[in-house]
Amino acid sequence: MVELSPLRRRMIEDMTIRNLSPATQRSYVHAVAKFSRH
């Protein structure tokens, strides 16, 4: 299993608490990762 960074883990936990769907969580994580590479 891939080790998640603390920031990514916290973001996923926050999205789970807000009851966002897994597809939405994936798209958000992808968008943030893409932005961070910019």
Protein backbone atom coordinates (compact mmCIF):
# COMPACT_ATOMS: atom_id res chain seq x y z
CA MET A 1 0.00 0.00 0.00
CA VAL A 2 1.21 3.49 -0.82
CA GLU A 3 2.19 5.65 2.15
CA LEU A 4 -0.04 8.73 2.19
CA SER A 5 1.37 12.09 3.14
CA PRO A 6 -0.18 13.59 6.28
CA LEU A 7 -1.76 16.37 4.22
CA ARG A 8 -3.37 13.95 1.75
CA ARG A 9 -4.62 11.72 4.59
CA ARG A 10 -6.15 14.74 6.36
CA MET A 11 -7.81 15.92 3.14
CA ILE A 12 -9.37 12.48 2.57
CA GLU A 13 -10.54 12.33 6.20
CA ASP A 14 -12.14 15.78 5.88
CA MET A 15 -13.91 14.77 2.67
CA THR A 16 -15.16 11.55 4.29
CA ILE A 17 -16.55 13.52 7.24
CA ARG A 18 -18.33 15.83 4.77
CA ASN A 19 -19.84 12.69 3.19
CA LEU A 20 -18.42 13.22 -0.30
CA SER A 21 -18.53 10.29 -2.71
CA PRO A 22 -15.33 8.31 -3.45
CA ALA A 23 -15.38 9.60 -7.05
CA THR A 24 -15.49 13.20 -5.81
CA GLN A 25 -12.65 12.47 -3.38
CA ARG A 26 -10.52 11.03 -6.20
CA SER A 27 -11.15 14.02 -8.45
CA TYR A 28 -10.31 16.48 -5.65
CA VAL A 29 -7.10 14.65 -4.73
CA HIS A 30 -6.13 14.51 -8.42
CA ALA A 31 -6.83 18.23 -8.87
CA VAL A 32 -4.76 19.19 -5.82
CA ALA A 33 -1.88 16.91 -6.89
CA LYS A 34 -1.96 18.45 -10.38
CA PHE A 35 -2.00 21.96 -8.90
CA SER A 36 0.90 21.18 -6.55
CA ARG A 37 3.04 20.12 -9.55
CA HIS A 38 2.32 23.45 -11.25
